[in-house]
Amino acid sequence: MAALSLLVLAGLSFFFSLAETALGALPRWEVRRLAETCARRGTAVQRLAGRPEELLATTALGHTFASGAILLLALVLAGPASPPRRRAASSPSPSGS
């Protein structure tokens, strides 16, 4: 179950990174062409590409949350860190030498 959770979170992180890169690199003429040929998807892409600040903020936030969740899950799976053990102080030997 933990491995599946890590895979899902890594997939989310990958998705947000990929979305940011793909939509940021998309030229305006391609956005217009997509809006003309595929009305539903093209309109959604045009709306996202029209607000680059919100797009970057959303993808950065999603990527940050996914990466943070990966780190948190990894720390939980690693378990608590135990402090180093101290050696018991040895008592002086009762020998009379």
PDB file of N, CA and C in Angstrom:
ATOM      1  N   MET A   1       0.823  -1.191   0.000  1.00  0.00           N
ATOM      2  CA  MET A   1       0.000   0.000   0.000  1.00  0.00           C
ATOM      3  C   MET A   1       0.870   1.259   0.000  1.00  0.00           C
ATOM      4  N   ALA A   2       1.961   1.226   0.751  1.00  0.00           N
ATOM      5  CA  ALA A   2       2.846   2.388   0.830  1.00  0.00           C
ATOM      6  C   ALA A   2       3.541   2.628  -0.512  1.00  0.00           C
ATOM      7  N   ALA A   3       3.924   1.561  -1.172  1.00  0.00           N
ATOM      8  CA  ALA A   3       4.579   1.710  -2.472  1.00  0.00           C
ATOM      9  C   ALA A   3       3.614   2.301  -3.491  1.00  0.00           C
ATOM     10  N   LEU A   4       2.367   1.890  -3.436  1.00  0.00           N
ATOM     11  CA  LEU A   4       1.350   2.435  -4.339  1.00  0.00           C
ATOM     12  C   LEU A   4       1.135   3.928  -4.054  1.00  0.00           C
ATOM     13  N   SER A   5       1.104   4.290  -2.791  1.00  0.00           N
ATOM     14  CA  SER A   5       0.951   5.704  -2.414  1.00  0.00           C
ATOM     15  C   SER A   5       2.117   6.536  -2.939  1.00  0.00           C
ATOM     16  N   LEU A   6       3.323   6.008  -2.801  1.00  0.00           N
ATOM     17  CA  LEU A   6       4.490   6.725  -3.318  1.00  0.00           C
ATOM     18  C   LEU A   6       4.423   6.880  -4.837  1.00  0.00           C
ATOM     19  N   LEU A   7       3.969   5.841  -5.530  1.00  0.00           N
ATOM     20  CA  LEU A   7       3.845   5.913  -6.983  1.00  0.00           C
ATOM     21  C   LEU A   7       2.789   6.943  -7.404  1.00  0.00           C
ATOM     22  N   VAL A   8       1.672   6.975  -6.707  1.00  0.00           N
ATOM     23  CA  VAL A   8       0.615   7.941  -7.030  1.00  0.00           C
ATOM     24  C   VAL A   8       1.118   9.363  -6.794  1.00  0.00           C
ATOM     25  N   LEU A   9       1.781   9.584  -5.678  1.00  0.00           N
ATOM     26  CA  LEU A   9       2.304  10.921  -5.378  1.00  0.00           C
ATOM     27  C   LEU A   9       3.394  11.327  -6.369  1.00  0.00           C
ATOM     28  N   ALA A  10       4.236  10.398  -6.741  1.00  0.00           N
ATOM     29  CA  ALA A  10       5.267  10.700  -7.741  1.00  0.00           C
ATOM     30  C   ALA A  10       4.615  11.010  -9.093  1.00  0.00           C
ATOM     31  N   GLY A  11       3.548  10.305  -9.415  1.00  0.00           N
ATOM     32  CA  GLY A  11       2.808  10.581 -10.639  1.00  0.00           C
ATOM     33  C   GLY A  11       2.180  11.966 -10.626  1.00  0.00           C
ATOM     34  N   LEU A  12       1.638  12.370  -9.486  1.00  0.00           N
ATOM     35  CA  LEU A  12       1.083  13.723  -9.363  1.00  0.00           C
ATOM     36  C   LEU A  12       2.159  14.784  -9.532  1.00  0.00           C
ATOM     37  N   SER A  13       3.280  14.570  -8.907  1.00  0.00           N
ATOM     38  CA  SER A  13       4.391  15.511  -9.030  1.00  0.00           C
ATOM     39  C   SER A  13       4.838  15.615 -10.485  1.00  0.00           C
ATOM     40  N   PHE A  14       4.935  14.471 -11.145  1.00  0.00           N
ATOM     41  CA  PHE A  14       5.313  14.434 -12.557  1.00  0.00           C
ATOM     42  C   PHE A  14       4.276  15.162 -13.411  1.00  0.00           C
ATOM     43  N   PHE A  15       2.986  14.946 -13.119  1.00  0.00           N
ATOM     44  CA  PHE A  15       1.918  15.592 -13.866  1.00  0.00           C
ATOM     45  C   PHE A  15       2.017  17.110 -13.779  1.00  0.00           C
ATOM     46  N   PHE A  16       2.208  17.642 -12.580  1.00  0.00           N
ATOM     47  CA  PHE A  16       2.279  19.092 -12.421  1.00  0.00           C
ATOM     48  C   PHE A  16       3.511  19.671 -13.117  1.00  0.00           C
ATOM     49  N   SER A  17       4.620  18.982 -13.037  1.00  0.00           N
ATOM     50  CA  SER A  17       5.822  19.452 -13.731  1.00  0.00           C
ATOM     51  C   SER A  17       5.627  19.421 -15.244  1.00  0.00           C
ATOM     52  N   LEU A  18       5.047  18.349 -15.735  1.00  0.00           N
ATOM     53  CA  LEU A  18       4.806  18.210 -17.164  1.00  0.00           C
ATOM     54  C   LEU A  18       3.806  19.248 -17.668  1.00  0.00           C
ATOM     55  N   ALA A  19       2.752  19.495 -16.902  1.00  0.00           N
ATOM     56  CA  ALA A  19       1.739  20.482 -17.305  1.00  0.00           C
ATOM     57  C   ALA A  19       2.345  21.875 -17.382  1.00  0.00           C
ATOM     58  N   GLU A  20       3.170  22.214 -16.406  1.00  0.00           N
ATOM     59  CA  GLU A  20       3.813  23.528 -16.416  1.00  0.00           C
ATOM     60  C   GLU A  20       4.713  23.693 -17.640  1.00  0.00           C
ATOM     61  N   THR A  21       5.489  22.681 -17.918  1.00  0.00           N
ATOM     62  CA  THR A  21       6.402  22.749 -19.059  1.00  0.00           C
ATOM     63  C   THR A  21       5.646  22.786 -20.386  1.00  0.00           C
ATOM     64  N   ALA A  22       4.671  21.920 -20.529  1.00  0.00           N
ATOM     65  CA  ALA A  22       3.944  21.828 -21.793  1.00  0.00           C
ATOM     66  C   ALA A  22       3.141  23.096 -22.082  1.00  0.00           C
ATOM     67  N   LEU A  23       2.415  23.577 -21.099  1.00  0.00           N
ATOM     68  CA  LEU A  23       1.591  24.763 -21.337  1.00  0.00           C
ATOM     69  C   LEU A  23       2.421  26.034 -21.424  1.00  0.00           C
ATOM     70  N   GLY A  24       3.553  26.049 -20.746  1.00  0.00           N
ATOM     71  CA  GLY A  24       4.426  27.222 -20.834  1.00  0.00           C
ATOM     72  C   GLY A  24       5.143  27.316 -22.169  1.00  0.00           C
ATOM     73  N   ALA A  25       5.395  26.197 -22.800  1.00  0.00           N
ATOM     74  CA  ALA A  25       6.124  26.182 -24.071  1.00  0.00           C
ATOM     75  C   ALA A  25       5.205  26.248 -25.287  1.00  0.00           C
ATOM     76  N   LEU A  26       3.907  26.202 -25.059  1.00  0.00           N
ATOM     77  CA  LEU A  26       2.951  26.195 -26.158  1.00  0.00           C
ATOM     78  C   LEU A  26       2.838  27.587 -26.784  1.00  0.00           C
ATOM     79  N   PRO A  27       3.136  27.720 -28.073  1.00  0.00           N
ATOM     80  CA  PRO A  27       3.036  29.040 -28.715  1.00  0.00           C
ATOM     81  C   PRO A  27       1.575  29.483 -28.869  1.00  0.00           C
ATOM     82  N   ARG A  28       1.373  30.789 -28.926  1.00  0.00           N
ATOM     83  CA  ARG A  28       0.012  31.339 -29.015  1.00  0.00           C
ATOM     84  C   ARG A  28      -0.730  30.859 -30.263  1.00  0.00           C
ATOM     85  N   TRP A  29      -0.037  30.751 -31.386  1.00  0.00           N
ATOM     86  CA  TRP A  29      -0.706  30.311 -32.606  1.00  0.00           C
ATOM     87  C   TRP A  29      -1.215  28.888 -32.469  1.00  0.00           C
ATOM     88  N   GLU A  30      -0.481  28.069 -31.714  1.00  0.00           N
ATOM     89  CA  GLU A  30      -0.911  26.682 -31.500  1.00  0.00           C
ATOM     90  C   GLU A  30      -2.138  26.640 -30.581  1.00  0.00           C
ATOM     91  N   VAL A  31      -2.177  27.531 -29.623  1.00  0.00           N
ATOM     92  CA  VAL A  31      -3.338  27.619 -28.734  1.00  0.00           C
ATOM     93  C   VAL A  31      -4.577  28.009 -29.535  1.00  0.00           C
ATOM     94  N   ARG A  32      -4.428  29.004 -30.415  1.00  0.00           N
ATOM     95  CA  ARG A  32      -5.558  29.429 -31.258  1.00  0.00           C
ATOM     96  C   ARG A  32      -6.013  28.304 -32.184  1.00  0.00           C
ATOM     97  N   ARG A  33      -5.056  27.615 -32.803  1.00  0.00           N
ATOM     98  CA  ARG A  33      -5.399  26.519 -33.700  1.00  0.00           C
ATOM     99  C   ARG A  33      -6.119  25.403 -32.960  1.00  0.00           C
ATOM    100  N   LEU A  34      -5.658  25.102 -31.736  1.00  0.00           N
ATOM    101  CA  LEU A  34      -6.291  24.069 -30.925  1.00  0.00           C
ATOM    102  C   LEU A  34      -7.713  24.465 -30.546  1.00  0.00           C
ATOM    103  N   ALA A  35      -7.918  25.751 -30.246  1.00  0.00           N
ATOM    104  CA  ALA A  35      -9.259  26.237 -29.904  1.00  0.00           C
ATOM    105  C   ALA A  35     -10.204  26.144 -31.097  1.00  0.00           C
ATOM    106  N   GLU A  36      -9.677  26.309 -32.299  1.00  0.00           N
ATOM    107  CA  GLU A  36     -10.515  26.232 -33.504  1.00  0.00           C
ATOM    108  C   GLU A  36     -10.851  24.795 -33.883  1.00  0.00           C
ATOM    109  N   THR A  37      -9.916  23.890 -33.702  1.00  0.00           N
ATOM    110  CA  THR A  37     -10.131  22.507 -34.139  1.00  0.00           C
ATOM    111  C   THR A  37     -10.823  21.641 -33.086  1.00  0.00           C
ATOM    112  N   CYS A  38     -10.480  21.834 -31.833  1.00  0.00           N
ATOM    113  CA  CYS A  38     -11.081  21.057 -30.739  1.00  0.00           C
ATOM    114  C   CYS A  38     -11.718  22.047 -29.767  1.00  0.00           C
ATOM    115  N   ALA A  39     -12.980  22.300 -29.950  1.00  0.00           N
ATOM    116  CA  ALA A  39     -13.641  23.380 -29.208  1.00  0.00           C
ATOM    117  C   ALA A  39     -13.530  23.204 -27.693  1.00  0.00           C
ATOM    118  N   ARG A  40     -13.855  22.051 -27.197  1.00  0.00           N
ATOM    119  CA  ARG A  40     -13.886  21.851 -25.738  1.00  0.00           C
ATOM    120  C   ARG A  40     -12.486  21.908 -25.134  1.00  0.00           C
ATOM    121  N   ARG A  41     -11.587  21.103 -25.638  1.00  0.00           N
ATOM    122  CA  ARG A  41     -10.214  21.066 -25.109  1.00  0.00           C
ATOM    123  C   ARG A  41      -9.471  22.351 -25.426  1.00  0.00           C
ATOM    124  N   GLY A  42      -9.655  22.857 -26.638  1.00  0.00           N
ATOM    125  CA  GLY A  42      -8.970  24.078 -27.042  1.00  0.00           C
ATOM    126  C   GLY A  42      -9.347  25.264 -26.193  1.00  0.00           C
ATOM    127  N   THR A  43     -10.630  25.360 -25.833  1.00  0.00           N
ATOM    128  CA  THR A  43     -11.077  26.455 -24.975  1.00  0.00           C
ATOM    129  C   THR A  43     -10.443  26.350 -23.593  1.00  0.00           C
ATOM    130  N   ALA A  44     -10.351  25.139 -23.075  1.00  0.00           N
ATOM    131  CA  ALA A  44      -9.730  24.946 -21.759  1.00  0.00           C
ATOM    132  C   ALA A  44      -8.250  25.327 -21.794  1.00  0.00           C
ATOM    133  N   VAL A  45      -7.552  24.913 -22.839  1.00  0.00           N
ATOM    134  CA  VAL A  45      -6.132  25.254 -22.972  1.00  0.00           C
ATOM    135  C   VAL A  45      -5.967  26.759 -23.159  1.00  0.00           C
ATOM    136  N   GLN A  46      -6.852  27.358 -23.947  1.00  0.00           N
ATOM    137  CA  GLN A  46      -6.782  28.800 -24.175  1.00  0.00           C
ATOM    138  C   GLN A  46      -7.013  29.566 -22.872  1.00  0.00           C
ATOM    139  N   ARG A  47      -7.939  29.089 -22.061  1.00  0.00           N
ATOM    140  CA  ARG A  47      -8.209  29.732 -20.768  1.00  0.00           C
ATOM    141  C   ARG A  47      -6.996  29.613 -19.841  1.00  0.00           C
ATOM    142  N   LEU A  48      -6.378  28.445 -19.814  1.00  0.00           N
ATOM    143  CA  LEU A  48      -5.202  28.242 -18.960  1.00  0.00           C
ATOM    144  C   LEU A  48      -4.011  29.070 -19.446  1.00  0.00           C
ATOM    145  N   ALA A  49      -3.785  29.056 -20.756  1.00  0.00           N
ATOM    146  CA  ALA A  49      -2.642  29.773 -21.314  1.00  0.00           C
ATOM    147  C   ALA A  49      -2.838  31.290 -21.233  1.00  0.00           C
ATOM    148  N   GLY A  50      -4.078  31.728 -21.132  1.00  0.00           N
ATOM    149  CA  GLY A  50      -4.356  33.160 -21.044  1.00  0.00           C
ATOM    150  C   GLY A  50      -4.032  33.764 -19.691  1.00  0.00           C
ATOM    151  N   ARG A  51      -3.849  32.919 -18.694  1.00  0.00           N
ATOM    152  CA  ARG A  51      -3.516  33.393 -17.338  1.00  0.00           C
ATOM    153  C   ARG A  51      -2.247  32.691 -16.848  1.00  0.00           C
ATOM    154  N   PRO A  52      -1.094  33.098 -17.375  1.00  0.00           N
ATOM    155  CA  PRO A  52       0.139  32.377 -17.034  1.00  0.00           C
ATOM    156  C   PRO A  52       0.523  32.467 -15.559  1.00  0.00           C
ATOM    157  N   GLU A  53       0.199  33.581 -14.897  1.00  0.00           N
ATOM    158  CA  GLU A  53       0.555  33.705 -13.475  1.00  0.00           C
ATOM    159  C   GLU A  53      -0.202  32.688 -12.639  1.00  0.00           C
ATOM    160  N   GLU A  54      -1.504  32.553 -12.933  1.00  0.00           N
ATOM    161  CA  GLU A  54      -2.311  31.584 -12.191  1.00  0.00           C
ATOM    162  C   GLU A  54      -1.897  30.152 -12.525  1.00  0.00           C
ATOM    163  N   LEU A  55      -1.559  29.925 -13.773  1.00  0.00           N
ATOM    164  CA  LEU A  55      -1.113  28.597 -14.185  1.00  0.00           C
ATOM    165  C   LEU A  55       0.172  28.211 -13.458  1.00  0.00           C
ATOM    166  N   LEU A  56       1.133  29.118 -13.440  1.00  0.00           N
ATOM    167  CA  LEU A  56       2.399  28.829 -12.750  1.00  0.00           C
ATOM    168  C   LEU A  56       2.193  28.641 -11.258  1.00  0.00           C
ATOM    169  N   ALA A  57       1.353  29.479 -10.665  1.00  0.00           N
ATOM    170  CA  ALA A  57       1.099  29.353  -9.230  1.00  0.00           C
ATOM    171  C   ALA A  57       0.437  28.019  -8.909  1.00  0.00           C
ATOM    172  N   THR A  58      -0.521  27.626  -9.723  1.00  0.00           N
ATOM    173  CA  THR A  58      -1.236  26.366  -9.481  1.00  0.00           C
ATOM    174  C   THR A  58      -0.327  25.160  -9.657  1.00  0.00           C
ATOM    175  N   THR A  59       0.449  25.152 -10.729  1.00  0.00           N
ATOM    176  CA  THR A  59       1.329  23.996 -10.955  1.00  0.00           C
ATOM    177  C   THR A  59       2.442  23.943  -9.909  1.00  0.00           C
ATOM    178  N   ALA A  60       2.966  25.088  -9.517  1.00  0.00           N
ATOM    179  CA  ALA A  60       4.010  25.101  -8.485  1.00  0.00           C
ATOM    180  C   ALA A  60       3.454  24.619  -7.148  1.00  0.00           C
ATOM    181  N   LEU A  61       2.241  25.051  -6.820  1.00  0.00           N
ATOM    182  CA  LEU A  61       1.619  24.630  -5.569  1.00  0.00           C
ATOM    183  C   LEU A  61       1.329  23.127  -5.578  1.00  0.00           C
ATOM    184  N   GLY A  62       0.783  22.640  -6.681  1.00  0.00           N
ATOM    185  CA  GLY A  62       0.505  21.200  -6.775  1.00  0.00           C
ATOM    186  C   GLY A  62       1.769  20.366  -6.699  1.00  0.00           C
ATOM    187  N   HIS A  63       2.815  20.815  -7.391  1.00  0.00           N
ATOM    188  CA  HIS A  63       4.092  20.102  -7.359  1.00  0.00           C
ATOM    189  C   HIS A  63       4.687  20.119  -5.944  1.00  0.00           C
ATOM    190  N   THR A  64       4.593  21.256  -5.271  1.00  0.00           N
ATOM    191  CA  THR A  64       5.124  21.371  -3.913  1.00  0.00           C
ATOM    192  C   THR A  64       4.377  20.461  -2.947  1.00  0.00           C
ATOM    193  N   PHE A  65       3.049  20.434  -3.035  1.00  0.00           N
ATOM    194  CA  PHE A  65       2.274  19.560  -2.155  1.00  0.00           C
ATOM    195  C   PHE A  65       2.574  18.085  -2.427  1.00  0.00           C
ATOM    196  N   ALA A  66       2.673  17.719  -3.687  1.00  0.00           N
ATOM    197  CA  ALA A  66       2.967  16.321  -4.016  1.00  0.00           C
ATOM    198  C   ALA A  66       4.356  15.922  -3.519  1.00  0.00           C
ATOM    199  N   SER A  67       5.342  16.789  -3.714  1.00  0.00           N
ATOM    200  CA  SER A  67       6.703  16.484  -3.251  1.00  0.00           C
ATOM    201  C   SER A  67       6.768  16.445  -1.727  1.00  0.00           C
ATOM    202  N   GLY A  68       6.061  17.345  -1.080  1.00  0.00           N
ATOM    203  CA  GLY A  68       6.015  17.342   0.386  1.00  0.00           C
ATOM    204  C   GLY A  68       5.363  16.085   0.922  1.00  0.00           C
ATOM    205  N   ALA A  69       4.301  15.632   0.262  1.00  0.00           N
ATOM    206  CA  ALA A  69       3.635  14.403   0.690  1.00  0.00           C
ATOM    207  C   ALA A  69       4.542  13.190   0.499  1.00  0.00           C
ATOM    208  N   ILE A  70       5.322  13.193  -0.579  1.00  0.00           N
ATOM    209  CA  ILE A  70       6.285  12.104  -0.801  1.00  0.00           C
ATOM    210  C   ILE A  70       7.298  12.076   0.337  1.00  0.00           C
ATOM    211  N   LEU A  71       7.817  13.246   0.680  1.00  0.00           N
ATOM    212  CA  LEU A  71       8.800  13.330   1.763  1.00  0.00           C
ATOM    213  C   LEU A  71       8.189  12.890   3.089  1.00  0.00           C
ATOM    214  N   LEU A  72       6.981  13.351   3.372  1.00  0.00           N
ATOM    215  CA  LEU A  72       6.321  12.984   4.617  1.00  0.00           C
ATOM    216  C   LEU A  72       6.083  11.478   4.693  1.00  0.00           C
ATOM    217  N   LEU A  73       5.606  10.898   3.605  1.00  0.00           N
ATOM    218  CA  LEU A  73       5.367   9.459   3.591  1.00  0.00           C
ATOM    219  C   LEU A  73       6.669   8.677   3.756  1.00  0.00           C
ATOM    220  N   ALA A  74       7.718   9.137   3.117  1.00  0.00           N
ATOM    221  CA  ALA A  74       9.017   8.459   3.255  1.00  0.00           C
ATOM    222  C   ALA A  74       9.523   8.535   4.690  1.00  0.00           C
ATOM    223  N   LEU A  75       9.332   9.680   5.340  1.00  0.00           N
ATOM    224  CA  LEU A  75       9.762   9.809   6.737  1.00  0.00           C
ATOM    225  C   LEU A  75       8.942   8.920   7.659  1.00  0.00           C
ATOM    226  N   VAL A  76       7.650   8.828   7.405  1.00  0.00           N
ATOM    227  CA  VAL A  76       6.799   7.958   8.221  1.00  0.00           C
ATOM    228  C   VAL A  76       7.201   6.500   8.020  1.00  0.00           C
ATOM    229  N   LEU A  77       7.480   6.122   6.788  1.00  0.00           N
ATOM    230  CA  LEU A  77       7.878   4.739   6.514  1.00  0.00           C
ATOM    231  C   LEU A  77       9.242   4.396   7.111  1.00  0.00           C
ATOM    232  N   ALA A  78      10.113   5.402   7.193  1.00  0.00           N
ATOM    233  CA  ALA A  78      11.442   5.165   7.753  1.00  0.00           C
ATOM    234  C   ALA A  78      11.370   4.896   9.254  1.00  0.00           C
ATOM    235  N   GLY A  79      10.353   5.384   9.910  1.00  0.00           N
ATOM    236  CA  GLY A  79      10.192   5.154  11.335  1.00  0.00           C
ATOM    237  C   GLY A  79      10.938   6.190  12.154  1.00  0.00           C
ATOM    238  N   PRO A  80      10.727   6.133  13.450  1.00  0.00           N
ATOM    239  CA  PRO A  80      11.370   7.122  14.325  1.00  0.00           C
ATOM    240  C   PRO A  80      12.873   6.911  14.403  1.00  0.00           C
ATOM    241  N   ALA A  81      13.570   7.989  14.464  1.00  0.00           N
ATOM    242  CA  ALA A  81      15.030   7.917  14.621  1.00  0.00           C
ATOM    243  C   ALA A  81      15.324   7.749  16.101  1.00  0.00           C
ATOM    244  N   SER A  82      16.095   6.739  16.426  1.00  0.00           N
ATOM    245  CA  SER A  82      16.429   6.526  17.833  1.00  0.00           C
ATOM    246  C   SER A  82      17.772   7.182  18.133  1.00  0.00           C
ATOM    247  N   PRO A  83      17.884   7.805  19.308  1.00  0.00           N
ATOM    248  CA  PRO A  83      19.153   8.439  19.654  1.00  0.00           C
ATOM    249  C   PRO A  83      20.225   7.390  19.901  1.00  0.00           C
ATOM    250  N   PRO A  84      21.481   7.753  19.735  1.00  0.00           N
ATOM    251  CA  PRO A  84      22.544   6.766  19.986  1.00  0.00           C
ATOM    252  C   PRO A  84      22.538   6.334  21.455  1.00  0.00           C
ATOM    253  N   ARG A  85      22.833   5.071  21.683  1.00  0.00           N
ATOM    254  CA  ARG A  85      22.846   4.540  23.053  1.00  0.00           C
ATOM    255  C   ARG A  85      24.118   4.944  23.758  1.00  0.00           C
ATOM    256  N   ARG A  86      23.946   5.283  25.006  1.00  0.00           N
ATOM    257  CA  ARG A  86      25.124   5.593  25.824  1.00  0.00           C
ATOM    258  C   ARG A  86      25.594   4.319  26.496  1.00  0.00           C
ATOM    259  N   ARG A  87      26.887   4.232  26.590  1.00  0.00           N
ATOM    260  CA  ARG A  87      27.433   3.088  27.323  1.00  0.00           C
ATOM    261  C   ARG A  87      27.297   3.356  28.812  1.00  0.00           C
ATOM    262  N   ALA A  88      27.016   2.300  29.536  1.00  0.00           N
ATOM    263  CA  ALA A  88      26.924   2.433  30.994  1.00  0.00           C
ATOM    264  C   ALA A  88      28.323   2.691  31.538  1.00  0.00           C
ATOM    265  N   ALA A  89      28.386   3.619  32.460  1.00  0.00           N
ATOM    266  CA  ALA A  89      29.687   3.922  33.061  1.00  0.00           C
ATOM    267  C   ALA A  89      30.169   2.710  33.837  1.00  0.00           C
ATOM    268  N   SER A  90      31.389   2.330  33.584  1.00  0.00           N
ATOM    269  CA  SER A  90      31.907   1.141  34.281  1.00  0.00           C
ATOM    270  C   SER A  90      32.387   1.565  35.670  1.00  0.00           C
ATOM    271  N   SER A  91      32.016   0.752  36.631  1.00  0.00           N
ATOM    272  CA  SER A  91      32.441   1.051  38.004  1.00  0.00           C
ATOM    273  C   SER A  91      33.852   0.532  38.220  1.00  0.00           C
ATOM    274  N   PRO A  92      34.598   1.205  39.057  1.00  0.00           N
ATOM    275  CA  PRO A  92      35.974   0.742  39.312  1.00  0.00           C
ATOM    276  C   PRO A  92      35.970  -0.656  39.913  1.00  0.00           C
ATOM    277  N   SER A  93      36.934  -1.425  39.525  1.00  0.00           N
ATOM    278  CA  SER A  93      36.988  -2.797  40.033  1.00  0.00           C
ATOM    279  C   SER A  93      37.439  -2.788  41.487  1.00  0.00           C
ATOM    280  N   PRO A  94      36.890  -3.686  42.273  1.00  0.00           N
ATOM    281  CA  PRO A  94      37.204  -3.718  43.711  1.00  0.00           C
ATOM    282  C   PRO A  94      38.584  -4.326  44.000  1.00  0.00           C
ATOM    283  N   SER A  95      39.331  -4.656  42.996  1.00  0.00           N
ATOM    284  CA  SER A  95      40.636  -5.268  43.249  1.00  0.00           C
ATOM    285  C   SER A  95      41.570  -4.244  43.878  1.00  0.00           C
ATOM    286  N   GLY A  96      42.438  -4.650  44.670  1.00  0.00           N
ATOM    287  CA  GLY A  96      43.332  -3.763  45.397  1.00  0.00           C
ATOM    288  C   GLY A  96      44.622  -3.497  44.691  1.00  0.00           C
ATOM    289  N   SER A  97      44.754  -3.709  43.445  1.00  0.00           N
ATOM    290  CA  SER A  97      46.036  -3.487  42.812  1.00  0.00           C
ATOM    291  C   SER A  97      46.295  -2.088  42.469  1.00  0.00           C
TER     292      SER A  97
END
